[in-house]
């Protein structure tokens, strides 16, 4: 158990909070594996290059991630006062979300389970 008063514990926890601009998309209807293909392509790139990659990537997840990246850029400009030309994608990752389970009828009265997977996608930017 932590020592100290509750307000002191909260103050210490908030002191080492990440101040980099970010955006998060929860419950995206795309599996983590499919989202990671697109995220790997933009990791470490500057935002203009990343937007260009996402614009012409044929995958479904690229549309979601493009919108998310634009949101992170807007957060950096409006909340942190950063310049958009100096930004790059510092971190981007997809975490596993809940899975919707559906049943598909099959031959001779049996059934197959269909799993519709979701993910939580996060994009974190930083300034060069």
C-alpha atoms as a PDB file:
ATOM      1  CA  UNK A   1       0.000   0.000   0.000  1.00  0.00           C
ATOM      2  CA  UNK A   2       1.259   3.492  -0.868  1.00  0.00           C
ATOM      3  CA  UNK A   3       2.351   5.805   1.893  1.00  0.00           C
ATOM      4  CA  UNK A   4       1.121   9.370   2.232  1.00  0.00           C
ATOM      5  CA  UNK A   5      -2.105  11.260   1.914  1.00  0.00           C
ATOM      6  CA  UNK A   6      -4.414  10.615  -1.030  1.00  0.00           C
ATOM      7  CA  UNK A   7      -3.869  14.105  -2.494  1.00  0.00           C
ATOM      8  CA  UNK A   8      -0.094  13.642  -2.241  1.00  0.00           C
ATOM      9  CA  UNK A   9      -0.306  10.302  -4.052  1.00  0.00           C
ATOM     10  CA  UNK A  10      -2.425  11.868  -6.837  1.00  0.00           C
ATOM     11  CA  UNK A  11       0.000  14.796  -7.134  1.00  0.00           C
ATOM     12  CA  UNK A  12       2.944  12.422  -7.572  1.00  0.00           C
ATOM     13  CA  UNK A  13       1.050  10.329 -10.122  1.00  0.00           C
ATOM     14  CA  UNK A  14       0.083  13.393 -12.186  1.00  0.00           C
ATOM     15  CA  UNK A  15       3.626  14.837 -12.019  1.00  0.00           C
ATOM     16  CA  UNK A  16       5.059  12.102 -14.245  1.00  0.00           C
ATOM     17  CA  UNK A  17       2.148  12.162 -16.695  1.00  0.00           C
ATOM     18  CA  UNK A  18       2.916  12.042 -20.428  1.00  0.00           C
ATOM     19  CA  UNK A  19       2.356  15.531 -21.902  1.00  0.00           C
ATOM     20  CA  UNK A  20       2.844  14.558 -25.558  1.00  0.00           C
ATOM     21  CA  UNK A  21      -0.186  15.183 -27.789  1.00  0.00           C
ATOM     22  CA  UNK A  22      -2.157  12.045 -28.554  1.00  0.00           C
ATOM     23  CA  UNK A  23      -5.470  10.694 -29.775  1.00  0.00           C
ATOM     24  CA  UNK A  24      -7.192   7.413 -28.984  1.00  0.00           C
ATOM     25  CA  UNK A  25      -9.881   5.514 -30.860  1.00  0.00           C
ATOM     26  CA  UNK A  26     -11.710   3.019 -28.673  1.00  0.00           C
ATOM     27  CA  UNK A  27     -13.794   0.090 -29.915  1.00  0.00           C
ATOM     28  CA  UNK A  28     -12.630   0.321 -33.536  1.00  0.00           C
ATOM     29  CA  UNK A  29     -14.244  -2.491 -35.577  1.00  0.00           C
ATOM     30  CA  UNK A  30     -10.947  -3.819 -36.897  1.00  0.00           C
ATOM     31  CA  UNK A  31      -8.755  -6.544 -35.430  1.00  0.00           C
ATOM     32  CA  UNK A  32      -5.477  -5.636 -33.749  1.00  0.00           C
ATOM     33  CA  UNK A  33      -3.464  -7.620 -36.289  1.00  0.00           C
ATOM     34  CA  UNK A  34      -4.979  -5.758 -39.261  1.00  0.00           C
ATOM     35  CA  UNK A  35      -4.568  -2.357 -37.569  1.00  0.00           C
ATOM     36  CA  UNK A  36      -0.905  -3.086 -36.783  1.00  0.00           C
ATOM     37  CA  UNK A  37      -0.083  -3.578 -40.482  1.00  0.00           C
ATOM     38  CA  UNK A  38      -1.016   0.066 -41.080  1.00  0.00           C
ATOM     39  CA  UNK A  39       0.492   1.369 -37.823  1.00  0.00           C
ATOM     40  CA  UNK A  40       3.856  -0.219 -38.614  1.00  0.00           C
ATOM     41  CA  UNK A  41       3.952   1.724 -41.891  1.00  0.00           C
ATOM     42  CA  UNK A  42       3.656   5.156 -40.213  1.00  0.00           C
ATOM     43  CA  UNK A  43       5.619   4.654 -36.977  1.00  0.00           C
ATOM     44  CA  UNK A  44       8.509   7.146 -36.725  1.00  0.00           C
ATOM     45  CA  UNK A  45       7.508   9.140 -39.835  1.00  0.00           C
ATOM     46  CA  UNK A  46       6.732  12.861 -39.847  1.00  0.00           C
ATOM     47  CA  UNK A  47       3.013  13.657 -39.984  1.00  0.00           C
ATOM     48  CA  UNK A  48       2.885  14.825 -43.629  1.00  0.00           C
ATOM     49  CA  UNK A  49       4.535  11.604 -44.831  1.00  0.00           C
ATOM     50  CA  UNK A  50       2.281   9.532 -42.564  1.00  0.00           C
ATOM     51  CA  UNK A  51      -0.849  11.240 -43.927  1.00  0.00           C
ATOM     52  CA  UNK A  52       0.352  10.547 -47.478  1.00  0.00           C
ATOM     53  CA  UNK A  53       0.914   6.872 -46.683  1.00  0.00           C
ATOM     54  CA  UNK A  54      -2.530   6.565 -45.098  1.00  0.00           C
ATOM     55  CA  UNK A  55      -4.222   8.360 -48.002  1.00  0.00           C
ATOM     56  CA  UNK A  56      -3.115   5.755 -50.554  1.00  0.00           C
ATOM     57  CA  UNK A  57      -3.099   2.646 -48.371  1.00  0.00           C
ATOM     58  CA  UNK A  58      -5.919   0.330 -49.556  1.00  0.00           C
ATOM     59  CA  UNK A  59      -6.614  -1.228 -46.144  1.00  0.00           C
ATOM     60  CA  UNK A  60      -9.800  -0.452 -44.212  1.00  0.00           C
ATOM     61  CA  UNK A  61      -7.878   0.459 -41.049  1.00  0.00           C
ATOM     62  CA  UNK A  62      -5.959   3.224 -42.843  1.00  0.00           C
ATOM     63  CA  UNK A  63      -9.111   5.369 -43.072  1.00  0.00           C
ATOM     64  CA  UNK A  64      -9.684   5.084 -39.324  1.00  0.00           C
ATOM     65  CA  UNK A  65      -6.039   5.780 -38.489  1.00  0.00           C
ATOM     66  CA  UNK A  66      -5.886   8.766 -40.883  1.00  0.00           C
ATOM     67  CA  UNK A  67      -8.801  10.378 -39.060  1.00  0.00           C
ATOM     68  CA  UNK A  68      -7.153   9.587 -35.719  1.00  0.00           C
ATOM     69  CA  UNK A  69      -3.820  11.103 -36.831  1.00  0.00           C
ATOM     70  CA  UNK A  70      -5.577  14.295 -37.979  1.00  0.00           C
ATOM     71  CA  UNK A  71      -7.207  14.494 -34.539  1.00  0.00           C
ATOM     72  CA  UNK A  72      -3.828  14.110 -32.815  1.00  0.00           C
ATOM     73  CA  UNK A  73      -2.367  16.879 -35.019  1.00  0.00           C
ATOM     74  CA  UNK A  74      -5.272  19.178 -34.097  1.00  0.00           C
ATOM     75  CA  UNK A  75      -4.735  18.371 -30.399  1.00  0.00           C
ATOM     76  CA  UNK A  76      -1.047  19.267 -30.719  1.00  0.00           C
ATOM     77  CA  UNK A  77      -1.805  22.605 -32.391  1.00  0.00           C
ATOM     78  CA  UNK A  78      -4.734  23.685 -30.204  1.00  0.00           C
ATOM     79  CA  UNK A  79      -3.874  22.260 -26.782  1.00  0.00           C
ATOM     80  CA  UNK A  80      -0.062  22.266 -26.796  1.00  0.00           C
ATOM     81  CA  UNK A  81       0.642  25.140 -29.227  1.00  0.00           C
ATOM     82  CA  UNK A  82       2.980  23.024 -31.374  1.00  0.00           C
ATOM     83  CA  UNK A  83       3.803  23.578 -35.031  1.00  0.00           C
ATOM     84  CA  UNK A  84       2.411  20.880 -37.362  1.00  0.00           C
ATOM     85  CA  UNK A  85       5.524  20.823 -39.576  1.00  0.00           C
ATOM     86  CA  UNK A  86       7.760  19.725 -36.669  1.00  0.00           C
ATOM     87  CA  UNK A  87       5.579  16.816 -35.531  1.00  0.00           C
ATOM     88  CA  UNK A  88       6.269  13.125 -36.057  1.00  0.00           C
ATOM     89  CA  UNK A  89       4.573   9.877 -34.982  1.00  0.00           C
ATOM     90  CA  UNK A  90       6.479   8.950 -31.813  1.00  0.00           C
ATOM     91  CA  UNK A  91       4.328   5.974 -30.825  1.00  0.00           C
ATOM     92  CA  UNK A  92       1.344   4.187 -32.301  1.00  0.00           C
ATOM     93  CA  UNK A  93      -0.143   0.932 -31.136  1.00  0.00           C
ATOM     94  CA  UNK A  94      -3.343  -1.097 -31.061  1.00  0.00           C
ATOM     95  CA  UNK A  95      -4.587  -2.914 -27.989  1.00  0.00           C
ATOM     96  CA  UNK A  96      -7.145  -5.706 -27.924  1.00  0.00           C
ATOM     97  CA  UNK A  97     -10.745  -4.685 -27.312  1.00  0.00           C
ATOM     98  CA  UNK A  98     -13.841  -6.780 -26.624  1.00  0.00           C
ATOM     99  CA  UNK A  99     -14.923  -9.446 -29.089  1.00  0.00           C
ATOM    100  CA  UNK A 100     -18.497  -9.743 -30.374  1.00  0.00           C
ATOM    101  CA  UNK A 101     -19.477 -13.389 -30.644  1.00  0.00           C
ATOM    102  CA  UNK A 102     -21.905 -14.466 -33.340  1.00  0.00           C
ATOM    103  CA  UNK A 103     -23.148 -17.895 -34.452  1.00  0.00           C
ATOM    104  CA  UNK A 104     -23.381 -19.129 -38.030  1.00  0.00           C
ATOM    105  CA  UNK A 105     -25.555 -22.202 -38.645  1.00  0.00           C
ATOM    106  CA  UNK A 106     -23.778 -25.078 -40.372  1.00  0.00           C
ATOM    107  CA  UNK A 107     -24.711 -28.439 -41.803  1.00  0.00           C
ATOM    108  CA  UNK A 108     -26.516 -31.134 -39.768  1.00  0.00           C
ATOM    109  CA  UNK A 109     -27.627 -28.784 -36.996  1.00  0.00           C
ATOM    110  CA  UNK A 110     -24.168 -27.702 -35.872  1.00  0.00           C
ATOM    111  CA  UNK A 111     -22.972 -24.117 -35.515  1.00  0.00           C
ATOM    112  CA  UNK A 112     -19.722 -22.214 -36.020  1.00  0.00           C
ATOM    113  CA  UNK A 113     -18.739 -19.268 -33.886  1.00  0.00           C
ATOM    114  CA  UNK A 114     -17.827 -16.036 -35.656  1.00  0.00           C
ATOM    115  CA  UNK A 115     -15.713 -13.624 -33.629  1.00  0.00           C
ATOM    116  CA  UNK A 116     -15.897  -9.963 -34.618  1.00  0.00           C
ATOM    117  CA  UNK A 117     -12.861  -8.424 -32.991  1.00  0.00           C
ATOM    118  CA  UNK A 118     -12.384  -4.834 -31.839  1.00  0.00           C
ATOM    119  CA  UNK A 119      -9.310  -2.810 -30.938  1.00  0.00           C
ATOM    120  CA  UNK A 120      -8.294   0.357 -29.133  1.00  0.00           C
ATOM    121  CA  UNK A 121      -5.895   2.362 -31.343  1.00  0.00           C
ATOM    122  CA  UNK A 122      -3.591   5.062 -29.917  1.00  0.00           C
ATOM    123  CA  UNK A 123      -1.394   7.571 -31.776  1.00  0.00           C
ATOM    124  CA  UNK A 124       1.146   9.680 -29.848  1.00  0.00           C
ATOM    125  CA  UNK A 125       2.993  12.549 -31.550  1.00  0.00           C
ATOM    126  CA  UNK A 126       6.141  14.425 -30.561  1.00  0.00           C
ATOM    127  CA  UNK A 127       8.102  17.446 -31.780  1.00  0.00           C
ATOM    128  CA  UNK A 128      11.465  17.225 -33.534  1.00  0.00           C
END
